[in-house]
Amino acid sequence: MNRLECQVTSCQHYCDNRCCLPGIQVDGPAARESSQTCCDSYEERRQGSGQNSSNRAPSVDSSIECSAEHCTYNKNCKCEAECVCVGCCCGDVCSKGGTECCTFRPE
């Protein structure tokens, strides 16, 4: 399990700098830097919806699947970083392409 922090306030699963999903998928198989990754689990918050769509409390621990083959923390498509931060690579995030794994470190 990883400690997961999230800074993407426009995500349906965001709550208090945490993610309410039990696990996420980080995408970016050819990524050579963090801006080339994204949180594939991102869902844009819909107007009128509650704080998060999963109705789960935010958790400190999460399972992180990862397709970023060139990240030093990726071992057999699982992230082995102790703490992972998902952030924004642009101002207004409205799609998963505006997110990034800030913890990504090239091999």
N, C-alpha and C. Protein backbone atom coordinates (compact mmCIF):
# COMPACT_ATOMS: atom_id res chain seq x y z
N MET A 1 0.84 -1.19 0.00
CA MET A 1 0.00 0.00 0.00
C MET A 1 0.88 1.25 0.00
N ASN A 2 0.37 2.29 -0.60
CA ASN A 2 1.07 3.56 -0.70
C ASN A 2 0.28 4.63 0.06
N ARG A 3 0.98 5.61 0.58
CA ARG A 3 0.29 6.79 1.10
C ARG A 3 0.01 7.68 -0.10
N LEU A 4 -1.24 8.01 -0.34
CA LEU A 4 -1.64 8.77 -1.52
C LEU A 4 -2.16 10.13 -1.12
N GLU A 5 -1.55 11.17 -1.67
CA GLU A 5 -2.02 12.54 -1.50
C GLU A 5 -2.52 13.01 -2.85
N CYS A 6 -3.59 13.80 -2.85
CA CYS A 6 -4.16 14.29 -4.10
C CYS A 6 -4.40 15.79 -4.00
N GLN A 7 -4.00 16.51 -5.05
CA GLN A 7 -4.19 17.96 -5.11
C GLN A 7 -5.21 18.35 -6.19
N VAL A 8 -5.88 17.37 -6.79
CA VAL A 8 -6.78 17.62 -7.91
C VAL A 8 -8.20 17.81 -7.39
N THR A 9 -8.50 19.05 -7.01
CA THR A 9 -9.79 19.35 -6.37
C THR A 9 -10.99 19.19 -7.30
N SER A 10 -10.76 19.16 -8.61
CA SER A 10 -11.87 19.01 -9.56
C SER A 10 -12.26 17.55 -9.79
N CYS A 11 -11.58 16.62 -9.12
CA CYS A 11 -11.88 15.20 -9.30
C CYS A 11 -13.05 14.79 -8.41
N GLN A 12 -13.90 13.95 -8.95
CA GLN A 12 -15.06 13.44 -8.22
C GLN A 12 -14.66 12.66 -6.97
N HIS A 13 -13.44 12.12 -6.93
CA HIS A 13 -13.00 11.28 -5.82
C HIS A 13 -12.17 12.04 -4.78
N TYR A 14 -11.94 13.33 -5.02
CA TYR A 14 -11.12 14.16 -4.12
C TYR A 14 -11.89 14.51 -2.84
N CYS A 15 -11.17 14.46 -1.71
CA CYS A 15 -11.74 14.92 -0.44
C CYS A 15 -10.58 15.19 0.52
N ASP A 16 -10.40 16.43 0.91
CA ASP A 16 -9.40 16.80 1.93
C ASP A 16 -7.99 16.32 1.60
N ASN A 17 -7.53 16.59 0.39
CA ASN A 17 -6.19 16.22 -0.07
C ASN A 17 -5.96 14.71 -0.11
N ARG A 18 -7.01 13.96 -0.23
CA ARG A 18 -6.95 12.50 -0.31
C ARG A 18 -7.86 12.02 -1.43
N CYS A 19 -7.73 10.75 -1.73
CA CYS A 19 -8.59 10.12 -2.73
C CYS A 19 -9.51 9.14 -2.01
N CYS A 20 -10.76 9.09 -2.42
CA CYS A 20 -11.73 8.21 -1.78
C CYS A 20 -11.80 6.84 -2.45
N LEU A 21 -11.00 6.61 -3.48
CA LEU A 21 -10.96 5.30 -4.10
C LEU A 21 -9.98 4.40 -3.33
N PRO A 22 -10.21 3.11 -3.30
CA PRO A 22 -9.27 2.21 -2.62
C PRO A 22 -7.96 2.03 -3.39
N GLY A 23 -7.97 2.42 -4.66
CA GLY A 23 -6.78 2.32 -5.48
C GLY A 23 -6.95 3.15 -6.74
N ILE A 24 -5.83 3.54 -7.35
CA ILE A 24 -5.87 4.32 -8.58
C ILE A 24 -4.96 3.70 -9.63
N GLN A 25 -5.13 4.17 -10.86
CA GLN A 25 -4.28 3.76 -11.98
C GLN A 25 -3.53 4.99 -12.49
N VAL A 26 -2.21 4.92 -12.49
CA VAL A 26 -1.39 5.98 -13.09
C VAL A 26 -1.02 5.50 -14.49
N ASP A 27 -1.21 6.37 -15.48
CA ASP A 27 -0.95 6.02 -16.87
C ASP A 27 0.22 6.85 -17.41
N GLY A 28 0.86 6.35 -18.43
CA GLY A 28 1.98 7.04 -19.07
C GLY A 28 3.09 6.08 -19.42
N PRO A 29 2.80 5.05 -20.22
CA PRO A 29 3.80 4.01 -20.50
C PRO A 29 5.11 4.53 -21.09
N ALA A 30 5.07 5.61 -21.86
CA ALA A 30 6.29 6.14 -22.48
C ALA A 30 6.83 7.37 -21.75
N ALA A 31 6.25 7.69 -20.60
CA ALA A 31 6.62 8.91 -19.86
C ALA A 31 8.09 8.94 -19.49
N ARG A 32 8.69 10.11 -19.69
CA ARG A 32 10.08 10.36 -19.27
C ARG A 32 10.15 11.47 -18.23
N GLU A 33 8.97 12.09 -17.94
CA GLU A 33 8.86 13.11 -16.90
C GLU A 33 7.43 13.10 -16.38
N SER A 34 7.23 13.68 -15.20
CA SER A 34 5.92 13.61 -14.54
C SER A 34 4.78 14.18 -15.37
N SER A 35 5.04 15.23 -16.14
CA SER A 35 3.97 15.84 -16.94
C SER A 35 3.46 14.92 -18.05
N GLN A 36 4.15 13.84 -18.30
CA GLN A 36 3.72 12.87 -19.31
C GLN A 36 2.95 11.70 -18.70
N THR A 37 2.65 11.81 -17.40
CA THR A 37 1.83 10.81 -16.72
C THR A 37 0.46 11.41 -16.44
N CYS A 38 -0.48 10.58 -16.03
CA CYS A 38 -1.78 11.09 -15.61
C CYS A 38 -2.44 10.08 -14.68
N CYS A 39 -3.41 10.56 -13.92
CA CYS A 39 -4.22 9.68 -13.09
C CYS A 39 -5.38 9.20 -13.95
N ASP A 40 -5.31 7.95 -14.36
CA ASP A 40 -6.34 7.38 -15.23
C ASP A 40 -7.66 7.18 -14.48
N SER A 41 -7.64 7.30 -13.16
CA SER A 41 -8.84 7.13 -12.34
C SER A 41 -9.60 8.44 -12.16
N TYR A 42 -9.06 9.54 -12.69
CA TYR A 42 -9.69 10.86 -12.57
C TYR A 42 -11.08 10.86 -13.20
N GLU A 43 -12.04 11.45 -12.50
CA GLU A 43 -13.38 11.72 -13.04
C GLU A 43 -13.73 13.15 -12.66
N GLU A 44 -14.15 13.92 -13.64
CA GLU A 44 -14.49 15.31 -13.35
C GLU A 44 -15.70 15.36 -12.42
N ARG A 45 -15.61 16.23 -11.41
CA ARG A 45 -16.72 16.42 -10.49
C ARG A 45 -17.90 17.01 -11.24
N ARG A 46 -19.03 16.39 -11.08
CA ARG A 46 -20.24 16.85 -11.75
C ARG A 46 -20.98 17.84 -10.86
N GLN A 47 -21.49 18.88 -11.47
CA GLN A 47 -22.22 19.90 -10.72
C GLN A 47 -23.41 19.26 -10.02
N GLY A 48 -23.60 19.61 -8.76
CA GLY A 48 -24.71 19.09 -7.98
C GLY A 48 -24.42 17.75 -7.32
N SER A 49 -23.26 17.16 -7.60
CA SER A 49 -22.93 15.89 -6.96
C SER A 49 -22.32 16.16 -5.60
N GLY A 50 -22.26 15.16 -4.80
CA GLY A 50 -21.69 15.29 -3.46
C GLY A 50 -20.19 15.46 -3.51
N GLN A 51 -19.57 15.39 -2.36
CA GLN A 51 -18.12 15.59 -2.26
C GLN A 51 -17.35 14.56 -3.07
N ASN A 52 -17.79 13.30 -3.05
CA ASN A 52 -17.14 12.28 -3.86
C ASN A 52 -18.17 11.25 -4.28
N SER A 53 -17.95 10.63 -5.41
CA SER A 53 -18.94 9.71 -5.98
C SER A 53 -18.92 8.34 -5.35
N SER A 54 -17.87 7.99 -4.67
CA SER A 54 -17.76 6.63 -4.15
C SER A 54 -18.41 6.48 -2.77
N ASN A 55 -18.80 7.60 -2.17
CA ASN A 55 -19.38 7.58 -0.83
C ASN A 55 -18.48 6.89 0.19
N ARG A 56 -17.19 6.91 -0.07
CA ARG A 56 -16.20 6.34 0.83
C ARG A 56 -15.45 7.49 1.51
N ALA A 57 -15.00 7.23 2.70
CA ALA A 57 -14.16 8.22 3.38
C ALA A 57 -12.78 8.21 2.74
N PRO A 58 -12.13 9.36 2.67
CA PRO A 58 -10.78 9.38 2.10
C PRO A 58 -9.84 8.53 2.95
N SER A 59 -8.95 7.85 2.29
CA SER A 59 -8.02 6.96 2.98
C SER A 59 -6.59 7.45 2.79
N VAL A 60 -5.77 7.20 3.77
CA VAL A 60 -4.36 7.54 3.66
C VAL A 60 -3.66 6.50 2.79
N ASP A 61 -4.07 5.24 2.91
CA ASP A 61 -3.43 4.16 2.16
C ASP A 61 -4.21 3.80 0.91
N SER A 62 -3.47 3.52 -0.14
CA SER A 62 -4.10 3.20 -1.43
C SER A 62 -3.21 2.23 -2.19
N SER A 63 -3.81 1.50 -3.08
CA SER A 63 -3.06 0.62 -3.98
C SER A 63 -2.92 1.38 -5.30
N ILE A 64 -1.70 1.43 -5.84
CA ILE A 64 -1.48 2.21 -7.05
C ILE A 64 -0.91 1.32 -8.15
N GLU A 65 -1.73 1.11 -9.18
CA GLU A 65 -1.29 0.42 -10.39
C GLU A 65 -0.61 1.47 -11.26
N CYS A 66 0.45 1.10 -11.97
CA CYS A 66 1.19 2.10 -12.73
C CYS A 66 1.69 1.52 -14.05
N SER A 67 1.46 2.26 -15.13
CA SER A 67 1.96 1.82 -16.44
C SER A 67 3.17 2.64 -16.90
N ALA A 68 3.68 3.53 -16.03
CA ALA A 68 4.84 4.36 -16.38
C ALA A 68 6.11 3.50 -16.31
N GLU A 69 6.44 2.88 -17.42
CA GLU A 69 7.53 1.90 -17.48
C GLU A 69 8.89 2.47 -17.13
N HIS A 70 9.08 3.76 -17.29
CA HIS A 70 10.39 4.36 -17.08
C HIS A 70 10.51 5.06 -15.73
N CYS A 71 9.59 4.77 -14.81
CA CYS A 71 9.66 5.35 -13.47
C CYS A 71 10.41 4.39 -12.55
N THR A 72 11.28 4.94 -11.75
CA THR A 72 12.08 4.13 -10.85
C THR A 72 11.25 3.39 -9.81
N TYR A 73 10.05 3.90 -9.50
CA TYR A 73 9.18 3.27 -8.50
C TYR A 73 8.28 2.17 -9.07
N ASN A 74 8.24 2.03 -10.38
CA ASN A 74 7.37 1.03 -11.00
C ASN A 74 8.04 -0.34 -10.97
N LYS A 75 7.42 -1.27 -10.28
CA LYS A 75 7.89 -2.65 -10.23
C LYS A 75 6.73 -3.55 -10.62
N ASN A 76 6.82 -4.14 -11.81
CA ASN A 76 5.76 -5.04 -12.30
C ASN A 76 4.39 -4.37 -12.29
N CYS A 77 4.34 -3.14 -12.77
CA CYS A 77 3.11 -2.35 -12.90
C CYS A 77 2.45 -1.98 -11.57
N LYS A 78 3.23 -1.98 -10.51
CA LYS A 78 2.78 -1.52 -9.19
C LYS A 78 3.75 -0.44 -8.73
N CYS A 79 3.21 0.60 -8.11
CA CYS A 79 4.06 1.66 -7.58
C CYS A 79 4.61 1.23 -6.22
N GLU A 80 5.92 1.39 -6.05
CA GLU A 80 6.55 1.04 -4.79
C GLU A 80 7.01 2.26 -4.00
N ALA A 81 6.60 3.46 -4.42
CA ALA A 81 6.93 4.66 -3.64
C ALA A 81 6.11 4.65 -2.35
N GLU A 82 6.75 5.05 -1.28
CA GLU A 82 6.06 5.06 0.01
C GLU A 82 4.92 6.08 0.02
N CYS A 83 5.19 7.26 -0.55
CA CYS A 83 4.20 8.33 -0.60
C CYS A 83 4.10 8.82 -2.04
N VAL A 84 2.88 8.92 -2.54
CA VAL A 84 2.64 9.34 -3.92
C VAL A 84 1.72 10.55 -3.90
N CYS A 85 2.06 11.53 -4.73
CA CYS A 85 1.24 12.73 -4.84
C CYS A 85 0.75 12.88 -6.28
N VAL A 86 -0.56 13.00 -6.43
CA VAL A 86 -1.15 13.28 -7.74
C VAL A 86 -1.50 14.76 -7.74
N GLY A 87 -1.07 15.45 -8.78
CA GLY A 87 -1.30 16.89 -8.86
C GLY A 87 -1.80 17.30 -10.22
N CYS A 88 -1.75 18.59 -10.47
CA CYS A 88 -2.24 19.18 -11.71
C CYS A 88 -1.06 19.68 -12.53
N CYS A 89 -1.09 19.42 -13.82
CA CYS A 89 -0.02 19.93 -14.68
C CYS A 89 -0.51 21.13 -15.49
N CYS A 90 -1.75 21.56 -15.23
CA CYS A 90 -2.28 22.76 -15.87
C CYS A 90 -3.25 23.44 -14.90
N GLY A 91 -3.68 24.62 -15.22
CA GLY A 91 -4.53 25.39 -14.32
C GLY A 91 -5.87 24.75 -14.01
N ASP A 92 -6.77 24.71 -14.97
CA ASP A 92 -8.11 24.17 -14.77
C ASP A 92 -8.16 22.73 -15.27
N VAL A 93 -8.20 21.79 -14.35
CA VAL A 93 -8.24 20.38 -14.73
C VAL A 93 -9.68 19.96 -14.95
N CYS A 94 -9.95 19.47 -16.16
CA CYS A 94 -11.29 18.97 -16.47
C CYS A 94 -11.23 17.60 -17.15
N SER A 95 -10.02 17.04 -17.23
CA SER A 95 -9.85 15.70 -17.78
C SER A 95 -8.61 15.07 -17.16
N LYS A 96 -8.49 13.77 -17.31
CA LYS A 96 -7.33 13.09 -16.72
C LYS A 96 -6.02 13.60 -17.31
N GLY A 97 -6.05 14.14 -18.53
CA GLY A 97 -4.85 14.68 -19.16
C GLY A 97 -4.28 15.89 -18.43
N GLY A 98 -5.04 16.49 -17.54
CA GLY A 98 -4.56 17.64 -16.77
C GLY A 98 -3.96 17.24 -15.43
N THR A 99 -3.91 15.94 -15.18
CA THR A 99 -3.33 15.44 -13.93
C THR A 99 -1.94 14.88 -14.18
N GLU A 100 -1.19 14.68 -13.12
CA GLU A 100 0.12 14.05 -13.25
C GLU A 100 0.53 13.41 -11.94
N CYS A 101 1.39 12.42 -12.03
CA CYS A 101 1.99 11.81 -10.85
C CYS A 101 3.23 12.63 -10.51
N CYS A 102 3.14 13.44 -9.48
CA CYS A 102 4.25 14.32 -9.09
C CYS A 102 5.42 13.53 -8.49
N THR A 103 5.19 12.27 -8.16
CA THR A 103 6.21 11.43 -7.56
C THR A 103 7.07 10.75 -8.61
N PHE A 104 6.65 10.77 -9.87
CA PHE A 104 7.41 10.12 -10.95
C PHE A 104 8.88 10.53 -10.92
N ARG A 105 9.75 9.54 -11.00
CA ARG A 105 11.19 9.77 -11.11
C ARG A 105 11.73 8.87 -12.21
N PRO A 106 12.39 9.45 -13.21
CA PRO A 106 12.90 8.63 -14.33
C PRO A 106 13.97 7.67 -13.84
N GLU A 107 14.04 6.54 -14.52
CA GLU A 107 15.08 5.54 -14.20
C GLU A 107 16.45 6.09 -14.47
